N, C-alpha and C. Protein backbone atom coordinates (compact mmCIF):
# COMPACT_ATOMS: atom_id res chain seq x y z
N UNK A 1 -85.69 56.06 46.57
CA UNK A 1 -84.32 55.74 46.21
C UNK A 1 -84.01 56.44 44.89
N UNK A 2 -82.94 57.20 44.87
CA UNK A 2 -82.61 57.91 43.65
C UNK A 2 -81.79 57.02 42.71
N UNK A 3 -81.51 57.52 41.55
CA UNK A 3 -80.84 56.73 40.52
C UNK A 3 -79.44 56.27 40.94
N UNK A 4 -78.71 57.14 41.63
CA UNK A 4 -77.36 56.77 42.06
C UNK A 4 -77.39 55.62 43.06
N UNK A 5 -78.32 55.69 44.02
CA UNK A 5 -78.44 54.61 45.00
C UNK A 5 -78.85 53.31 44.32
N UNK A 6 -79.76 53.40 43.39
CA UNK A 6 -80.21 52.23 42.64
C UNK A 6 -79.06 51.64 41.83
N UNK A 7 -78.28 52.50 41.22
CA UNK A 7 -77.13 52.06 40.44
C UNK A 7 -76.10 51.35 41.34
N UNK A 8 -75.83 51.92 42.51
CA UNK A 8 -74.89 51.32 43.46
C UNK A 8 -75.41 49.97 43.93
N UNK A 9 -76.71 49.91 44.26
CA UNK A 9 -77.30 48.65 44.73
C UNK A 9 -77.23 47.58 43.63
N UNK A 10 -77.55 47.98 42.41
CA UNK A 10 -77.49 47.05 41.28
C UNK A 10 -76.06 46.55 41.06
N UNK A 11 -75.09 47.43 41.13
CA UNK A 11 -73.69 47.06 40.96
C UNK A 11 -73.26 46.07 42.04
N UNK A 12 -73.70 46.30 43.28
CA UNK A 12 -73.36 45.39 44.38
C UNK A 12 -73.98 44.01 44.15
N UNK A 13 -75.24 44.00 43.73
CA UNK A 13 -75.91 42.73 43.46
C UNK A 13 -75.22 41.97 42.33
N UNK A 14 -74.84 42.69 41.29
CA UNK A 14 -74.14 42.05 40.17
C UNK A 14 -72.77 41.53 40.60
N UNK A 15 -72.08 42.29 41.43
CA UNK A 15 -70.78 41.85 41.93
C UNK A 15 -70.93 40.59 42.79
N UNK A 16 -71.97 40.56 43.61
CA UNK A 16 -72.22 39.38 44.45
C UNK A 16 -72.55 38.17 43.59
N UNK A 17 -73.37 38.38 42.56
CA UNK A 17 -73.70 37.27 41.65
C UNK A 17 -72.47 36.78 40.92
N UNK A 18 -71.64 37.72 40.47
CA UNK A 18 -70.42 37.34 39.78
C UNK A 18 -69.50 36.55 40.71
N UNK A 19 -69.39 37.00 41.94
CA UNK A 19 -68.56 36.30 42.91
C UNK A 19 -69.08 34.89 43.14
N UNK A 20 -70.39 34.75 43.31
CA UNK A 20 -70.99 33.42 43.50
C UNK A 20 -70.77 32.54 42.27
N UNK A 21 -70.88 33.15 41.10
CA UNK A 21 -70.67 32.40 39.85
C UNK A 21 -69.22 31.93 39.76
N UNK A 22 -68.29 32.79 40.14
CA UNK A 22 -66.88 32.41 40.11
C UNK A 22 -66.59 31.28 41.11
N UNK A 23 -67.24 31.35 42.27
CA UNK A 23 -67.08 30.28 43.28
C UNK A 23 -67.63 28.97 42.72
N UNK A 24 -68.81 29.04 42.11
CA UNK A 24 -69.42 27.84 41.52
C UNK A 24 -68.52 27.28 40.42
N UNK A 25 -68.00 28.16 39.60
CA UNK A 25 -67.13 27.75 38.50
C UNK A 25 -65.88 27.05 39.04
N UNK A 26 -65.28 27.62 40.05
CA UNK A 26 -64.08 27.01 40.65
C UNK A 26 -64.42 25.66 41.26
N UNK A 27 -65.58 25.57 41.88
CA UNK A 27 -66.01 24.31 42.48
C UNK A 27 -66.22 23.24 41.41
N UNK A 28 -66.89 23.61 40.33
CA UNK A 28 -67.12 22.67 39.23
C UNK A 28 -65.80 22.24 38.60
N UNK A 29 -64.88 23.19 38.48
CA UNK A 29 -63.57 22.87 37.90
C UNK A 29 -62.83 21.88 38.79
N UNK A 30 -62.84 22.12 40.08
CA UNK A 30 -62.18 21.20 41.01
C UNK A 30 -62.82 19.82 40.95
N UNK A 31 -64.13 19.81 40.85
CA UNK A 31 -64.85 18.54 40.75
C UNK A 31 -64.48 17.82 39.45
N UNK A 32 -64.40 18.56 38.36
CA UNK A 32 -64.03 17.97 37.07
C UNK A 32 -62.62 17.41 37.10
N UNK A 33 -61.70 18.13 37.74
CA UNK A 33 -60.33 17.65 37.85
C UNK A 33 -60.28 16.37 38.67
N UNK A 34 -61.03 16.34 39.76
CA UNK A 34 -61.09 15.14 40.59
C UNK A 34 -61.66 13.95 39.82
N UNK A 35 -62.70 14.18 39.05
CA UNK A 35 -63.30 13.11 38.26
C UNK A 35 -62.35 12.64 37.15
N UNK A 36 -61.63 13.58 36.56
CA UNK A 36 -60.66 13.22 35.53
C UNK A 36 -59.55 12.35 36.12
N UNK A 37 -59.09 12.71 37.31
CA UNK A 37 -58.07 11.90 37.98
C UNK A 37 -58.58 10.51 38.30
N UNK A 38 -59.81 10.44 38.76
CA UNK A 38 -60.43 9.14 39.05
C UNK A 38 -60.55 8.32 37.78
N UNK A 39 -60.94 8.98 36.69
CA UNK A 39 -61.06 8.31 35.40
C UNK A 39 -59.71 7.76 34.95
N UNK A 40 -58.67 8.55 35.11
CA UNK A 40 -57.32 8.11 34.74
C UNK A 40 -56.90 6.89 35.55
N UNK A 41 -57.21 6.91 36.85
CA UNK A 41 -56.87 5.76 37.71
C UNK A 41 -57.62 4.51 37.28
N UNK A 42 -58.89 4.68 36.93
CA UNK A 42 -59.69 3.53 36.49
C UNK A 42 -59.16 2.97 35.17
N UNK A 43 -58.76 3.86 34.27
CA UNK A 43 -58.18 3.41 33.00
C UNK A 43 -56.90 2.62 33.25
N UNK A 44 -56.11 3.09 34.19
CA UNK A 44 -54.86 2.41 34.54
C UNK A 44 -55.17 1.03 35.11
N UNK A 45 -56.17 0.95 35.99
CA UNK A 45 -56.55 -0.34 36.56
C UNK A 45 -57.03 -1.29 35.48
N UNK A 46 -57.79 -0.77 34.52
CA UNK A 46 -58.28 -1.61 33.43
C UNK A 46 -57.12 -2.17 32.63
N UNK A 47 -56.14 -1.30 32.32
CA UNK A 47 -54.98 -1.76 31.58
C UNK A 47 -54.20 -2.82 32.35
N UNK A 48 -54.06 -2.63 33.66
CA UNK A 48 -53.36 -3.62 34.48
C UNK A 48 -54.11 -4.95 34.49
N UNK A 49 -55.43 -4.88 34.57
CA UNK A 49 -56.22 -6.12 34.55
C UNK A 49 -56.14 -6.80 33.20
N UNK A 50 -56.16 -6.01 32.13
CA UNK A 50 -56.02 -6.58 30.79
C UNK A 50 -54.67 -7.25 30.63
N UNK A 51 -53.63 -6.66 31.22
CA UNK A 51 -52.30 -7.25 31.14
C UNK A 51 -52.23 -8.58 31.88
N UNK A 52 -53.03 -8.71 32.93
CA UNK A 52 -53.04 -9.95 33.71
C UNK A 52 -53.83 -11.06 33.02
N UNK A 53 -54.80 -10.68 32.20
CA UNK A 53 -55.67 -11.68 31.59
C UNK A 53 -54.92 -12.75 30.81
N UNK A 54 -54.02 -12.42 29.91
CA UNK A 54 -53.33 -13.49 29.17
C UNK A 54 -52.57 -14.43 30.10
N UNK A 55 -51.98 -13.90 31.16
CA UNK A 55 -51.26 -14.74 32.11
C UNK A 55 -52.22 -15.70 32.80
N UNK A 56 -53.37 -15.22 33.18
CA UNK A 56 -54.36 -16.07 33.84
C UNK A 56 -54.90 -17.11 32.86
N UNK A 57 -55.09 -16.71 31.60
CA UNK A 57 -55.56 -17.66 30.59
C UNK A 57 -54.56 -18.79 30.41
N UNK A 58 -53.26 -18.48 30.43
CA UNK A 58 -52.23 -19.50 30.31
C UNK A 58 -52.30 -20.45 31.50
N UNK A 59 -52.50 -19.91 32.68
CA UNK A 59 -52.59 -20.74 33.87
C UNK A 59 -53.82 -21.64 33.83
N UNK A 60 -54.93 -21.14 33.35
CA UNK A 60 -56.16 -21.93 33.34
C UNK A 60 -56.17 -22.94 32.20
N UNK A 61 -55.33 -22.75 31.19
CA UNK A 61 -55.30 -23.70 30.08
C UNK A 61 -54.56 -24.98 30.47
N UNK A 62 -53.73 -24.91 31.51
CA UNK A 62 -53.03 -26.10 31.98
C UNK A 62 -54.04 -26.99 32.70
N UNK A 63 -54.00 -28.28 32.43
CA UNK A 63 -54.96 -29.17 33.12
C UNK A 63 -54.63 -29.24 34.61
N UNK A 64 -55.65 -29.09 35.40
CA UNK A 64 -55.48 -29.17 36.85
C UNK A 64 -55.97 -30.53 37.31
N UNK A 65 -55.22 -31.12 38.22
CA UNK A 65 -55.63 -32.41 38.76
C UNK A 65 -56.10 -32.23 40.18
N UNK A 66 -57.00 -33.07 40.57
CA UNK A 66 -57.51 -33.02 41.93
C UNK A 66 -56.45 -33.56 42.87
N UNK A 67 -56.31 -32.95 44.03
CA UNK A 67 -55.29 -33.36 44.99
C UNK A 67 -55.48 -34.81 45.44
N UNK A 68 -56.72 -35.25 45.50
CA UNK A 68 -56.99 -36.62 45.95
C UNK A 68 -56.50 -37.62 44.92
N UNK A 69 -56.47 -37.27 43.65
CA UNK A 69 -55.95 -38.16 42.64
C UNK A 69 -54.44 -38.28 42.77
N UNK A 70 -53.77 -37.25 43.20
CA UNK A 70 -52.32 -37.26 43.31
C UNK A 70 -51.86 -37.95 44.59
N UNK A 71 -52.63 -37.88 45.65
CA UNK A 71 -52.22 -38.41 46.93
C UNK A 71 -53.11 -39.60 47.29
N UNK A 72 -52.59 -40.80 47.14
CA UNK A 72 -53.44 -41.97 47.45
C UNK A 72 -53.82 -42.04 48.93
N UNK A 73 -53.02 -41.43 49.81
CA UNK A 73 -53.33 -41.43 51.24
C UNK A 73 -54.58 -40.59 51.54
N UNK A 74 -54.88 -39.61 50.69
CA UNK A 74 -56.00 -38.72 50.94
C UNK A 74 -57.33 -39.45 50.79
N UNK A 75 -57.36 -40.54 50.03
CA UNK A 75 -58.61 -41.27 49.82
C UNK A 75 -58.94 -42.19 50.99
N UNK A 76 -58.01 -42.44 51.86
CA UNK A 76 -58.25 -43.39 52.97
C UNK A 76 -58.88 -42.72 54.15
């Protein structure tokens, strides 16, 4: 194999590696974007749950009575 053929073969191999690297990079980028979106959704869910907590605390602070205490017929 002469120098020109070797040079052409090396250039092709480098181009193929570069192409594969670009594909990998695009794949990782897409994966990162997907994970970022998932992270954003989870943050939103956390905020929604935090917003519900004070309301639930207010509901649980009210004394609850047993239904049987309220309905004398239920004890019979």
